[in-house]
Amino acid sequence: MKEKPIILIAFGGNAMIKKGQKGTHKEQFINLKQPMRQIARLSRKYKIVITHGNGPQVGNLLLQQESCSGVPKMPLEIIGAMTQGQIGYMLESSLDDALMEIGINGEQQFVTLISYVVVDENDPGFQNPTKPIGPFYTAEEAAKLTYNLVETDKGYRRVVASPKPLTIVERREIKKLIELDFIVICCGGGGIPVIHKQRKFRGVEAVIDKDLASSILAQEIGADIFVIASDIHGAGINWGKPEQEILGKVSRAEMEKYVQEGQFPAGSMGPKVEAILQFNRVTGSRGIICNLEEIEKAIEGETGTEIIK
């Protein structure tokens, strides 16, 4: 029997909480129905790894934490682990329902794995924290805090480092689970960032870009297709101009030219494009950016932005 190809699908954290929503658990479960139905159908033909963002969920936990002084505050690494469990449970529950709908819930196994990502303690990102997280503060509130803060149009906000991911600690376990035909949910929020210190891993106050971490994992497990799925339909050029265009199939050389032109902002589309380019350079395999509701169509080559040789 021919081995099923491996797909790694990276969900955006905002995919679970749509614009204008509060992010209740009911809203998030409703939002997961359609993408999980696609995953269930795809599992017939592919081995699947799911990674996901956690931006809104981390922000909510930090806001809850800052609003209550009656319990100990948790460091960012612990909050990251909490969201991996929270979102993993919601993905598993939604996936179980979707598999049941098509009658294969007893055949297909799945598991959520708490994941570490190794970073370099000398990464320049630690010297210049730029990743905004958590609630907004007034100038008066900000003056009492010991965090690194940045002023935004909505007030002051905490910023943390965002170093480059180097390797996924649990890559071997993930690969073994894939071989056993598990759907694996892992690297939530880009993974828990750790450094090697005195022969062991130590968590650090940082946030890893989940698309870059997903690209590293896709390379390490030998994925055949890497898909970044969020609330956008693909990578766009000339954004906001009359000649604005969503890219379809694009050669690596052409996409790299657009990167050099500064077509993809660092805070939004930039990391997504960098992630699929990096994957394609190393593996030569398909890297796709698509809408969450069009994953199957994108894999069939009918929509989304895809890097080709």
Protein backbone atom coordinates (compact mmCIF):
# COMPACT_ATOMS: atom_id res chain seq x y z
CA MET A 1 0.00 0.00 0.00
CA LYS A 2 1.37 3.42 -0.97
CA GLU A 3 2.42 5.61 1.97
CA LYS A 4 0.23 8.66 2.48
CA PRO A 5 2.01 12.01 1.91
CA ILE A 6 2.50 14.31 4.90
CA ILE A 7 0.84 17.72 5.15
CA LEU A 8 1.64 20.27 7.84
CA ILE A 9 -1.18 22.81 8.24
CA ALA A 10 -0.52 25.94 10.31
CA PHE A 11 -3.65 27.68 11.61
CA GLY A 12 -3.53 31.35 12.55
CA GLY A 13 -4.50 32.16 16.15
CA ASN A 14 -7.03 34.65 14.82
CA ALA A 15 -8.64 31.87 12.80
CA MET A 16 -10.49 30.77 15.93
CA ILE A 17 -11.63 34.28 16.85
CA LYS A 18 -13.08 36.28 13.98
CA LYS A 19 -13.06 40.05 13.69
CA GLY A 20 -15.60 41.62 16.03
CA GLN A 21 -15.97 38.51 18.21
CA LYS A 22 -15.20 38.40 21.94
CA GLY A 23 -13.54 35.00 21.72
CA THR A 24 -15.96 32.97 23.84
CA HIS A 25 -15.48 29.23 23.82
CA LYS A 26 -18.76 28.84 21.91
CA GLU A 27 -17.58 31.22 19.18
CA GLN A 28 -14.27 29.41 18.85
CA PHE A 29 -15.92 25.99 18.60
CA ILE A 30 -18.28 27.28 15.90
CA ASN A 31 -15.34 28.77 13.97
CA LEU A 32 -13.47 25.44 14.08
CA LYS A 33 -16.28 23.36 12.56
CA GLN A 34 -15.55 24.08 8.90
CA PRO A 35 -11.73 23.76 8.97
CA MET A 36 -11.88 20.58 11.07
CA ARG A 37 -14.31 19.03 8.59
CA GLN A 38 -11.68 19.65 5.91
CA ILE A 39 -8.98 18.05 8.08
CA ALA A 40 -11.20 15.01 8.64
CA ARG A 41 -11.73 14.54 4.90
CA LEU A 42 -8.04 15.12 4.13
CA SER A 43 -7.03 12.47 6.68
CA ARG A 44 -8.28 9.79 4.29
CA LYS A 45 -5.48 10.65 1.84
CA TYR A 46 -2.81 12.40 3.92
CA LYS A 47 -0.90 12.14 7.16
CA ILE A 48 -1.56 15.42 8.95
CA VAL A 49 0.25 17.65 11.43
CA ILE A 50 -1.55 20.73 12.76
CA THR A 51 0.22 23.72 14.28
CA HIS A 52 -1.53 26.86 15.45
CA GLY A 53 -1.15 30.42 16.68
CA ASN A 54 -2.26 31.62 20.10
CA GLY A 55 -2.10 35.42 19.95
CA PRO A 56 -5.67 36.26 21.05
CA GLN A 57 -5.69 33.50 23.66
CA VAL A 58 -2.38 34.60 25.21
CA GLY A 59 -3.65 38.18 25.26
CA ASN A 60 -6.79 37.10 27.10
CA LEU A 61 -4.83 35.10 29.68
CA LEU A 62 -2.44 38.00 30.28
CA LEU A 63 -5.39 40.37 30.71
CA GLN A 64 -7.00 38.00 33.22
CA GLN A 65 -3.67 37.72 35.03
CA GLU A 66 -3.14 41.48 35.22
CA SER A 67 -6.70 41.95 36.49
CA CYS A 68 -6.24 39.76 39.57
CA SER A 69 -3.60 40.09 42.29
CA GLY A 70 -5.04 37.29 44.42
CA VAL A 71 -3.14 34.48 42.67
CA PRO A 72 0.50 34.21 41.55
CA LYS A 73 1.31 35.58 38.09
CA MET A 74 2.67 33.03 35.64
CA PRO A 75 5.65 33.70 33.33
CA LEU A 76 5.11 33.83 29.57
CA GLU A 77 6.48 30.32 29.01
CA ILE A 78 3.79 28.87 31.33
CA ILE A 79 1.05 30.92 29.69
CA GLY A 80 2.23 29.62 26.31
CA ALA A 81 1.94 26.05 27.61
CA MET A 82 -1.54 26.81 28.99
CA THR A 83 -2.74 27.94 25.55
CA GLN A 84 -1.21 24.87 23.89
CA GLY A 85 -3.40 22.72 26.13
CA GLN A 86 -6.46 24.95 25.76
CA ILE A 87 -6.37 25.19 21.97
CA GLY A 88 -5.25 21.58 21.59
CA TYR A 89 -8.33 20.44 23.49
CA MET A 90 -10.62 22.58 21.32
CA LEU A 91 -9.00 21.31 18.11
CA GLU A 92 -9.23 17.68 19.26
CA SER A 93 -12.85 18.02 20.32
CA SER A 94 -13.83 19.67 17.01
CA LEU A 95 -11.83 17.10 15.03
CA ASP A 96 -13.51 14.23 16.86
CA ASP A 97 -16.93 15.62 15.89
CA ALA A 98 -15.82 16.07 12.27
CA LEU A 99 -14.43 12.53 12.05
CA MET A 100 -17.65 11.17 13.54
CA GLU A 101 -19.68 12.97 10.88
CA ILE A 102 -17.90 11.04 8.12
CA GLY A 103 -17.84 7.77 10.04
CA ILE A 104 -14.10 7.35 10.70
CA ASN A 105 -13.73 8.62 14.27
CA GLY A 106 -12.89 5.13 15.53
CA GLU A 107 -10.23 4.60 12.84
CA GLN A 108 -8.28 7.87 13.03
CA GLN A 109 -6.25 8.66 16.15
CA PHE A 110 -5.01 12.10 17.15
CA VAL A 111 -2.95 13.65 19.94
CA THR A 112 -1.85 17.08 21.21
CA LEU A 113 1.80 17.46 22.14
CA ILE A 114 3.24 20.23 24.34
CA SER A 115 6.17 21.46 22.25
CA TYR A 116 9.46 23.26 22.92
CA VAL A 117 11.38 25.24 20.30
CA VAL A 118 15.10 25.87 20.70
CA VAL A 119 16.36 29.42 20.17
CA ASP A 120 19.81 30.98 20.42
CA GLU A 121 20.31 32.93 23.66
CA ASN A 122 22.52 35.33 21.65
CA ASP A 123 19.83 35.96 19.03
CA PRO A 124 19.75 39.73 18.32
CA GLY A 125 15.99 39.64 18.93
CA PHE A 126 16.69 39.50 22.68
CA GLN A 127 18.50 42.85 22.51
CA ASN A 128 15.59 44.53 20.77
CA PRO A 129 12.19 43.15 21.92
CA THR A 130 9.57 44.03 19.31
CA LYS A 131 6.67 41.56 19.71
CA PRO A 132 3.65 43.24 21.37
CA ILE A 133 1.58 41.01 23.65
CA GLY A 134 -1.14 41.29 26.26
CA PRO A 135 -3.38 44.19 27.37
CA PHE A 136 -3.03 47.92 26.76
CA TYR A 137 -2.08 50.26 29.62
CA THR A 138 -2.45 53.97 30.30
CA ALA A 139 0.71 56.06 30.82
CA GLU A 140 0.00 56.05 34.56
CA GLU A 141 -0.36 52.26 34.69
CA ALA A 142 2.70 51.77 32.48
CA ALA A 143 4.88 53.83 34.84
CA LYS A 144 4.35 51.21 37.58
CA LEU A 145 5.35 48.22 35.44
CA THR A 146 8.77 46.65 35.09
CA TYR A 147 8.14 45.20 31.60
CA ASN A 148 9.60 46.50 28.35
CA LEU A 149 6.78 48.61 26.91
CA VAL A 150 6.01 50.28 23.60
CA GLU A 151 3.59 53.14 23.01
CA THR A 152 0.82 52.44 20.49
CA ASP A 153 -2.22 54.38 19.34
CA LYS A 154 -4.28 52.43 21.90
CA GLY A 155 -1.91 52.95 24.83
CA TYR A 156 1.22 51.24 26.15
CA ARG A 157 1.77 47.55 25.57
CA ARG A 158 4.30 44.99 26.74
CA VAL A 159 6.87 43.86 24.16
CA VAL A 160 8.97 40.70 24.27
CA ALA A 161 11.71 39.19 22.14
CA SER A 162 10.89 37.14 19.05
CA PRO A 163 14.06 35.13 18.27
CA LYS A 164 14.36 32.82 15.26
CA PRO A 165 13.40 29.17 15.86
CA LEU A 166 16.27 26.72 15.35
CA THR A 167 14.77 23.27 15.93
CA ILE A 168 11.72 21.59 17.45
CA VAL A 169 12.72 19.56 20.53
CA GLU A 170 9.99 16.92 20.05
CA ARG A 171 10.61 16.44 16.32
CA ARG A 172 11.48 12.75 16.74
CA GLU A 173 8.36 12.03 18.79
CA ILE A 174 6.22 13.90 16.24
CA LYS A 175 7.76 11.92 13.39
CA LYS A 176 7.12 8.63 15.19
CA LEU A 177 3.48 9.57 15.83
CA ILE A 178 3.06 10.45 12.14
CA GLU A 179 4.45 7.03 11.19
CA LEU A 180 1.77 5.50 13.42
CA ASP A 181 -0.82 7.55 11.47
CA PHE A 182 -1.76 9.90 14.31
CA ILE A 183 -2.98 13.39 13.47
CA VAL A 184 -0.56 15.44 15.58
CA ILE A 185 -1.39 18.86 17.06
CA CYS A 186 1.79 20.59 18.17
CA CYS A 187 3.96 23.74 18.22
CA GLY A 188 1.07 25.84 19.51
CA GLY A 189 1.84 29.55 19.40
CA GLY A 190 5.19 28.79 17.78
CA GLY A 191 6.15 26.49 20.65
CA ILE A 192 7.58 27.24 24.08
CA PRO A 193 10.93 29.00 23.48
CA VAL A 194 13.86 27.41 25.31
CA ILE A 195 17.64 27.75 25.37
CA HIS A 196 20.29 25.21 26.33
CA LYS A 197 21.69 26.13 29.73
CA GLN A 198 23.89 23.89 31.88
CA ARG A 199 22.96 20.77 29.88
CA LYS A 200 19.22 21.34 30.17
CA PHE A 201 16.50 23.42 28.56
CA ARG A 202 15.41 26.65 30.19
CA GLY A 203 12.34 28.63 29.16
CA VAL A 204 12.79 32.27 28.15
CA GLU A 205 10.48 35.30 27.97
CA ALA A 206 9.87 35.36 24.24
CA VAL A 207 7.30 34.59 21.56
CA ILE A 208 8.22 32.57 18.47
CA ASP A 209 6.56 33.30 15.16
CA LYS A 210 4.38 30.23 14.63
CA ASP A 211 4.77 30.26 10.82
CA LEU A 212 8.58 30.20 11.04
CA ALA A 213 8.46 27.47 13.70
CA SER A 214 6.01 25.51 11.54
CA SER A 215 8.35 25.82 8.56
CA ILE A 216 11.23 24.37 10.61
CA LEU A 217 9.03 21.49 11.78
CA ALA A 218 7.76 20.83 8.24
CA GLN A 219 11.38 20.49 7.11
CA GLU A 220 12.37 18.27 10.05
CA ILE A 221 9.50 15.79 9.58
CA GLY A 222 9.84 15.65 5.79
CA ALA A 223 6.44 17.18 4.99
CA ASP A 224 5.36 16.97 1.35
CA ILE A 225 3.13 20.05 1.58
CA PHE A 226 3.25 23.00 4.00
CA VAL A 227 0.06 25.07 4.28
CA ILE A 228 -0.42 28.33 6.18
CA ALA A 229 -4.17 28.88 6.62
CA SER A 230 -5.66 32.04 8.12
CA ASP A 231 -8.26 34.69 7.36
CA ILE A 232 -6.55 35.87 4.16
CA HIS A 233 -6.78 34.38 0.66
CA GLY A 234 -3.09 34.57 -0.20
CA ALA A 235 -0.08 36.87 -0.38
CA GLY A 236 -0.84 40.21 -1.99
CA ILE A 237 1.34 42.73 -3.78
CA ASN A 238 0.81 46.49 -4.27
CA TRP A 239 -1.54 46.40 -1.29
CA GLY A 240 -3.94 49.35 -1.07
CA LYS A 241 -3.18 50.48 -4.62
CA PRO A 242 -5.36 50.20 -7.75
CA GLU A 243 -3.07 47.43 -9.06
CA GLN A 244 -3.44 45.37 -5.86
CA GLU A 245 -3.23 41.63 -6.61
CA ILE A 246 -3.45 38.33 -4.75
CA LEU A 247 -0.71 36.06 -6.06
CA GLY A 248 -1.48 32.55 -7.31
CA LYS A 249 1.29 30.15 -8.35
CA VAL A 250 4.61 32.00 -8.12
CA SER A 251 8.17 30.88 -8.77
CA ARG A 252 10.60 31.07 -5.86
CA ALA A 253 12.71 33.62 -7.74
CA GLU A 254 9.70 35.86 -8.40
CA MET A 255 8.57 35.68 -4.77
CA GLU A 256 12.08 36.54 -3.56
CA LYS A 257 12.01 39.57 -5.85
CA TYR A 258 8.77 40.74 -4.23
CA VAL A 259 10.37 40.29 -0.81
CA GLN A 260 13.30 42.49 -1.86
CA GLU A 261 10.82 45.13 -3.03
CA GLY A 262 9.29 45.20 0.47
CA GLN A 263 5.88 43.97 -0.71
CA PHE A 264 5.17 41.98 2.46
CA PRO A 265 5.02 43.88 5.80
CA ALA A 266 7.07 42.42 8.65
CA GLY A 267 4.15 42.47 11.07
CA SER A 268 1.68 40.55 8.91
CA MET A 269 2.39 38.82 5.60
CA GLY A 270 6.20 38.96 5.84
CA PRO A 271 6.72 35.95 8.17
CA LYS A 272 4.22 33.84 6.22
CA VAL A 273 6.04 34.42 2.94
CA GLU A 274 9.43 33.90 4.60
CA ALA A 275 8.16 30.60 6.08
CA ILE A 276 6.94 29.05 2.80
CA LEU A 277 10.03 30.33 0.95
CA GLN A 278 12.32 28.79 3.55
CA PHE A 279 10.46 25.47 3.32
CA ASN A 280 10.60 25.46 -0.49
CA ARG A 281 14.32 26.37 -0.60
CA VAL A 282 15.26 23.47 1.68
CA THR A 283 12.85 20.79 0.43
CA GLY A 284 11.75 21.88 -3.06
CA SER A 285 8.20 20.95 -1.97
CA ARG A 286 4.96 22.91 -2.07
CA GLY A 287 4.46 25.86 0.26
CA ILE A 288 0.97 27.42 0.27
CA ILE A 289 -0.75 30.42 1.89
CA CYS A 290 -4.54 30.23 1.78
CA ASN A 291 -7.84 30.96 3.49
CA LEU A 292 -8.88 28.74 6.36
CA GLU A 293 -12.07 27.75 4.56
CA GLU A 294 -10.26 26.79 1.33
CA ILE A 295 -7.56 24.38 2.50
CA GLU A 296 -8.76 21.50 0.31
CA LYS A 297 -9.03 23.73 -2.76
CA ALA A 298 -5.55 25.13 -2.13
CA ILE A 299 -4.06 21.63 -1.86
CA GLU A 300 -5.74 20.80 -5.18
CA GLY A 301 -4.04 23.88 -6.67
CA GLU A 302 -7.26 25.81 -7.22
CA THR A 303 -6.69 28.78 -4.89
CA GLY A 304 -4.18 30.44 -2.57
CA THR A 305 -0.59 31.55 -3.11
CA GLU A 306 1.80 28.69 -3.88
CA ILE A 307 5.56 28.66 -4.31
CA ILE A 308 6.61 26.52 -7.26
CA LYS A 309 10.08 25.69 -8.54
